[in-house]
Amino acid sequence: MKTEHAPETPATLFLRQHGIAHSNHLYAYEEHGGTRVSARELNVDEHAVVKTLVMEDENRKPLIVLMHGDRKVSTKELARQSGRKKIEPCKPETANRHTGFLVGGTSPFGTRKAMPVFIEKSILDLPLIYINGGRRGFLVGVHPHDLLRALAPTVVEVALKE
């Protein structure tokens, strides 16, 4: 895996501006492959690959949820813990508009719009996570506690087993 040809994206720019150490990991992107493919390609546990999910509340206000690759989000529990009535996933084109990234390449770093970020509590227990670097087929390895500093997320417990 070559890191010297890592793309410059709004996400990598954000990481550099915030002084966040990260490793670059390029892999062969597969449509609808999700975190299973990226974990396999990087030879890491899918639990350490973090999905960036764009959702919206009952007022169509966007928010980001960071979740383990091998878990689903309980939108009902997320709504309850975040004091909203209802939360559901955005349509891909809506998510693209909010973040400036293509679905499959969505990063929580350097999004077009500032949005509230929610992070699954157990992600913070991992020594290293792999999260999208702002392009399909490109993950960055970061320390989960750097997410707290850079994104100021709200910590929630909303994971469901897949």
C-alpha atoms as a PDB file:
ATOM      1  CA  MET A   1       0.000   0.000   0.000  1.00  0.00           C
ATOM      2  CA  LYS A   2       1.482   3.305  -1.076  1.00  0.00           C
ATOM      3  CA  THR A   3       0.827   6.368   1.031  1.00  0.00           C
ATOM      4  CA  GLU A   4       2.806   8.922  -0.959  1.00  0.00           C
ATOM      5  CA  HIS A   5       0.009   9.199  -3.542  1.00  0.00           C
ATOM      6  CA  ALA A   6      -2.711   9.877  -0.991  1.00  0.00           C
ATOM      7  CA  PRO A   7      -5.220  12.388  -2.340  1.00  0.00           C
ATOM      8  CA  GLU A   8      -5.518  15.892  -0.943  1.00  0.00           C
ATOM      9  CA  THR A   9      -9.134  16.255   0.174  1.00  0.00           C
ATOM     10  CA  PRO A  10     -11.015  18.737   2.379  1.00  0.00           C
ATOM     11  CA  ALA A  11     -10.700  16.041   5.074  1.00  0.00           C
ATOM     12  CA  THR A  12      -6.883  15.715   4.901  1.00  0.00           C
ATOM     13  CA  LEU A  13      -6.610  19.512   4.801  1.00  0.00           C
ATOM     14  CA  PHE A  14      -8.766  19.706   7.958  1.00  0.00           C
ATOM     15  CA  LEU A  15      -6.589  17.080   9.714  1.00  0.00           C
ATOM     16  CA  ARG A  16      -3.409  18.989   8.859  1.00  0.00           C
ATOM     17  CA  GLN A  17      -4.890  22.347   9.938  1.00  0.00           C
ATOM     18  CA  HIS A  18      -5.883  20.805  13.280  1.00  0.00           C
ATOM     19  CA  GLY A  19      -2.498  19.118  13.767  1.00  0.00           C
ATOM     20  CA  ILE A  20      -3.999  15.629  13.826  1.00  0.00           C
ATOM     21  CA  ALA A  21      -1.579  12.823  13.064  1.00  0.00           C
ATOM     22  CA  HIS A  22      -3.039  10.337  10.595  1.00  0.00           C
ATOM     23  CA  SER A  23      -1.982   7.530   8.305  1.00  0.00           C
ATOM     24  CA  ASN A  24      -3.294   7.256   4.735  1.00  0.00           C
ATOM     25  CA  HIS A  25      -4.775   4.021   3.405  1.00  0.00           C
ATOM     26  CA  LEU A  26      -5.866   3.674  -0.213  1.00  0.00           C
ATOM     27  CA  TYR A  27      -7.779   0.580  -1.315  1.00  0.00           C
ATOM     28  CA  ALA A  28      -9.829  -0.666  -4.259  1.00  0.00           C
ATOM     29  CA  TYR A  29     -13.306   0.751  -3.658  1.00  0.00           C
ATOM     30  CA  GLU A  30     -16.264  -1.529  -4.349  1.00  0.00           C
ATOM     31  CA  GLU A  31     -19.735  -0.066  -4.889  1.00  0.00           C
ATOM     32  CA  HIS A  32     -21.949  -1.079  -1.920  1.00  0.00           C
ATOM     33  CA  GLY A  33     -18.987  -2.921  -0.357  1.00  0.00           C
ATOM     34  CA  GLY A  34     -19.057  -0.740   2.729  1.00  0.00           C
ATOM     35  CA  THR A  35     -16.811  -1.231   5.720  1.00  0.00           C
ATOM     36  CA  ARG A  36     -16.601  -4.988   5.128  1.00  0.00           C
ATOM     37  CA  VAL A  37     -14.564  -4.380   1.966  1.00  0.00           C
ATOM     38  CA  SER A  38     -12.371  -1.620   3.417  1.00  0.00           C
ATOM     39  CA  ALA A  39     -11.634  -3.729   6.533  1.00  0.00           C
ATOM     40  CA  ARG A  40     -10.721  -6.707   4.347  1.00  0.00           C
ATOM     41  CA  GLU A  41      -8.547  -4.574   2.038  1.00  0.00           C
ATOM     42  CA  LEU A  42      -6.714  -2.937   4.969  1.00  0.00           C
ATOM     43  CA  ASN A  43      -6.578  -6.235   6.880  1.00  0.00           C
ATOM     44  CA  VAL A  44      -8.101  -4.676  10.006  1.00  0.00           C
ATOM     45  CA  ASP A  45     -11.094  -5.542  12.192  1.00  0.00           C
ATOM     46  CA  GLU A  46     -14.326  -4.093  10.782  1.00  0.00           C
ATOM     47  CA  HIS A  47     -15.134  -2.903  14.322  1.00  0.00           C
ATOM     48  CA  ALA A  48     -12.210  -0.417  13.999  1.00  0.00           C
ATOM     49  CA  VAL A  49     -13.478   0.930  10.662  1.00  0.00           C
ATOM     50  CA  VAL A  50     -15.793   3.820  11.500  1.00  0.00           C
ATOM     51  CA  LYS A  51     -18.697   4.784   9.238  1.00  0.00           C
ATOM     52  CA  THR A  52     -19.644   8.436   8.771  1.00  0.00           C
ATOM     53  CA  LEU A  53     -23.424   8.464   8.479  1.00  0.00           C
ATOM     54  CA  VAL A  54     -25.360  11.572   7.493  1.00  0.00           C
ATOM     55  CA  MET A  55     -28.852  11.712   8.949  1.00  0.00           C
ATOM     56  CA  GLU A  56     -31.500  14.343   9.510  1.00  0.00           C
ATOM     57  CA  ASP A  57     -33.960  15.134  12.266  1.00  0.00           C
ATOM     58  CA  GLU A  58     -37.661  15.945  12.104  1.00  0.00           C
ATOM     59  CA  ASN A  59     -36.803  19.505  10.962  1.00  0.00           C
ATOM     60  CA  ARG A  60     -34.568  18.160   8.174  1.00  0.00           C
ATOM     61  CA  LYS A  61     -31.515  19.477  10.038  1.00  0.00           C
ATOM     62  CA  PRO A  62     -28.490  17.334   9.149  1.00  0.00           C
ATOM     63  CA  LEU A  63     -26.260  15.566  11.644  1.00  0.00           C
ATOM     64  CA  ILE A  64     -23.403  13.099  11.496  1.00  0.00           C
ATOM     65  CA  VAL A  65     -23.208   9.803  13.335  1.00  0.00           C
ATOM     66  CA  LEU A  66     -19.896   7.959  13.699  1.00  0.00           C
ATOM     67  CA  MET A  67     -20.471   4.232  14.138  1.00  0.00           C
ATOM     68  CA  HIS A  68     -18.453   0.999  14.129  1.00  0.00           C
ATOM     69  CA  GLY A  69     -18.452  -0.632  10.698  1.00  0.00           C
ATOM     70  CA  ASP A  70     -19.989  -3.810  12.080  1.00  0.00           C
ATOM     71  CA  ARG A  71     -22.858  -2.072  13.908  1.00  0.00           C
ATOM     72  CA  LYS A  72     -26.079  -0.294  12.946  1.00  0.00           C
ATOM     73  CA  VAL A  73     -27.487   2.880  14.503  1.00  0.00           C
ATOM     74  CA  SER A  74     -30.696   2.757  16.503  1.00  0.00           C
ATOM     75  CA  THR A  75     -32.247   5.958  15.114  1.00  0.00           C
ATOM     76  CA  LYS A  76     -34.966   5.783  17.776  1.00  0.00           C
ATOM     77  CA  GLU A  77     -32.363   5.671  20.557  1.00  0.00           C
ATOM     78  CA  LEU A  78     -30.292   8.408  18.872  1.00  0.00           C
ATOM     79  CA  ALA A  79     -33.367  10.673  18.705  1.00  0.00           C
ATOM     80  CA  ARG A  80     -34.034  10.009  22.393  1.00  0.00           C
ATOM     81  CA  GLN A  81     -30.422  10.652  23.487  1.00  0.00           C
ATOM     82  CA  SER A  82     -30.108  13.790  21.352  1.00  0.00           C
ATOM     83  CA  GLY A  83     -33.459  15.295  22.385  1.00  0.00           C
ATOM     84  CA  ARG A  84     -34.990  15.087  18.911  1.00  0.00           C
ATOM     85  CA  LYS A  85     -38.361  13.665  17.883  1.00  0.00           C
ATOM     86  CA  LYS A  86     -37.172  11.629  14.940  1.00  0.00           C
ATOM     87  CA  ILE A  87     -33.918  10.865  13.105  1.00  0.00           C
ATOM     88  CA  GLU A  88     -33.562   9.097   9.787  1.00  0.00           C
ATOM     89  CA  PRO A  89     -30.824   8.665   7.171  1.00  0.00           C
ATOM     90  CA  CYS A  90     -30.576  11.370   4.494  1.00  0.00           C
ATOM     91  CA  LYS A  91     -31.001  10.553   0.828  1.00  0.00           C
ATOM     92  CA  PRO A  92     -27.548  10.181  -0.810  1.00  0.00           C
ATOM     93  CA  GLU A  93     -27.924  13.386  -2.850  1.00  0.00           C
ATOM     94  CA  THR A  94     -28.945  15.315   0.298  1.00  0.00           C
ATOM     95  CA  ALA A  95     -25.953  13.907   2.200  1.00  0.00           C
ATOM     96  CA  ASN A  96     -23.668  14.920  -0.706  1.00  0.00           C
ATOM     97  CA  ARG A  97     -25.059  18.457  -0.577  1.00  0.00           C
ATOM     98  CA  HIS A  98     -24.550  18.794   3.191  1.00  0.00           C
ATOM     99  CA  THR A  99     -21.048  17.348   3.300  1.00  0.00           C
ATOM    100  CA  GLY A 100     -19.525  18.123  -0.091  1.00  0.00           C
ATOM    101  CA  PHE A 101     -18.454  14.452  -0.278  1.00  0.00           C
ATOM    102  CA  LEU A 102     -19.848  11.625  -2.381  1.00  0.00           C
ATOM    103  CA  VAL A 103     -21.605   8.899  -0.407  1.00  0.00           C
ATOM    104  CA  GLY A 104     -19.015   6.143   0.040  1.00  0.00           C
ATOM    105  CA  GLY A 105     -16.394   8.850   0.519  1.00  0.00           C
ATOM    106  CA  THR A 106     -18.026  10.852   3.309  1.00  0.00           C
ATOM    107  CA  SER A 107     -15.655  12.076   6.006  1.00  0.00           C
ATOM    108  CA  PRO A 108     -16.605  13.865   9.225  1.00  0.00           C
ATOM    109  CA  PHE A 109     -13.612  16.162   8.642  1.00  0.00           C
ATOM    110  CA  GLY A 110     -13.866  19.216   6.405  1.00  0.00           C
ATOM    111  CA  THR A 111     -17.570  18.986   5.622  1.00  0.00           C
ATOM    112  CA  ARG A 112     -19.134  21.771   3.561  1.00  0.00           C
ATOM    113  CA  LYS A 113     -21.585  22.583   6.385  1.00  0.00           C
ATOM    114  CA  ALA A 114     -20.844  22.432  10.092  1.00  0.00           C
ATOM    115  CA  MET A 115     -23.158  19.810  11.561  1.00  0.00           C
ATOM    116  CA  PRO A 116     -23.566  18.293  15.017  1.00  0.00           C
ATOM    117  CA  VAL A 117     -21.546  15.082  15.312  1.00  0.00           C
ATOM    118  CA  PHE A 118     -22.514  12.089  17.446  1.00  0.00           C
ATOM    119  CA  ILE A 119     -20.026   9.316  18.223  1.00  0.00           C
ATOM    120  CA  GLU A 120     -20.695   5.830  19.560  1.00  0.00           C
ATOM    121  CA  LYS A 121     -19.057   5.691  23.009  1.00  0.00           C
ATOM    122  CA  SER A 122     -17.199   2.387  22.467  1.00  0.00           C
ATOM    123  CA  ILE A 123     -15.285   3.873  19.495  1.00  0.00           C
ATOM    124  CA  LEU A 124     -13.293   5.851  22.074  1.00  0.00           C
ATOM    125  CA  ASP A 125     -12.069   2.573  23.608  1.00  0.00           C
ATOM    126  CA  LEU A 126     -10.211   1.574  20.434  1.00  0.00           C
ATOM    127  CA  PRO A 127      -6.472   2.282  20.124  1.00  0.00           C
ATOM    128  CA  LEU A 128      -6.782   3.358  16.481  1.00  0.00           C
ATOM    129  CA  ILE A 129      -9.680   3.819  14.090  1.00  0.00           C
ATOM    130  CA  TYR A 130      -9.935   3.968  10.322  1.00  0.00           C
ATOM    131  CA  ILE A 131     -12.328   6.571   8.994  1.00  0.00           C
ATOM    132  CA  ASN A 132     -13.055   7.957   5.549  1.00  0.00           C
ATOM    133  CA  GLY A 133     -10.511  10.447   4.261  1.00  0.00           C
ATOM    134  CA  GLY A 134     -12.907  12.243   1.935  1.00  0.00           C
ATOM    135  CA  ARG A 135     -12.802  10.021  -1.108  1.00  0.00           C
ATOM    136  CA  ARG A 136     -14.068   6.572  -2.072  1.00  0.00           C
ATOM    137  CA  GLY A 137     -11.333   4.014  -1.474  1.00  0.00           C
ATOM    138  CA  PHE A 138      -9.401   6.219   0.955  1.00  0.00           C
ATOM    139  CA  LEU A 139      -9.354   5.830   4.736  1.00  0.00           C
ATOM    140  CA  VAL A 140      -7.239   7.626   7.316  1.00  0.00           C
ATOM    141  CA  GLY A 141      -6.034   6.030  10.525  1.00  0.00           C
ATOM    142  CA  VAL A 142      -6.479   8.325  13.545  1.00  0.00           C
ATOM    143  CA  HIS A 143      -6.540   8.084  17.312  1.00  0.00           C
ATOM    144  CA  PRO A 144     -10.208   8.202  18.390  1.00  0.00           C
ATOM    145  CA  HIS A 145      -9.524  10.826  21.069  1.00  0.00           C
ATOM    146  CA  ASP A 146      -8.399  13.227  18.324  1.00  0.00           C
ATOM    147  CA  LEU A 147     -12.031  13.122  17.133  1.00  0.00           C
ATOM    148  CA  LEU A 148     -13.109  14.569  20.479  1.00  0.00           C
ATOM    149  CA  ARG A 149     -10.724  17.477  20.075  1.00  0.00           C
ATOM    150  CA  ALA A 150     -11.362  18.152  16.373  1.00  0.00           C
ATOM    151  CA  LEU A 151     -15.104  17.494  16.066  1.00  0.00           C
ATOM    152  CA  ALA A 152     -16.393  18.076  19.633  1.00  0.00           C
ATOM    153  CA  PRO A 153     -18.922  15.249  19.148  1.00  0.00           C
ATOM    154  CA  THR A 154     -21.684  14.261  21.532  1.00  0.00           C
ATOM    155  CA  VAL A 155     -20.993  10.796  22.930  1.00  0.00           C
ATOM    156  CA  VAL A 156     -23.966   8.423  22.610  1.00  0.00           C
ATOM    157  CA  GLU A 157     -24.731   4.730  23.027  1.00  0.00           C
ATOM    158  CA  VAL A 158     -26.925   3.803  20.079  1.00  0.00           C
ATOM    159  CA  ALA A 159     -25.219   0.765  18.500  1.00  0.00           C
ATOM    160  CA  LEU A 160     -27.176  -2.263  17.353  1.00  0.00           C
ATOM    161  CA  LYS A 161     -25.550  -5.526  16.270  1.00  0.00           C
ATOM    162  CA  GLU A 162     -25.801  -5.988  12.504  1.00  0.00           C
END
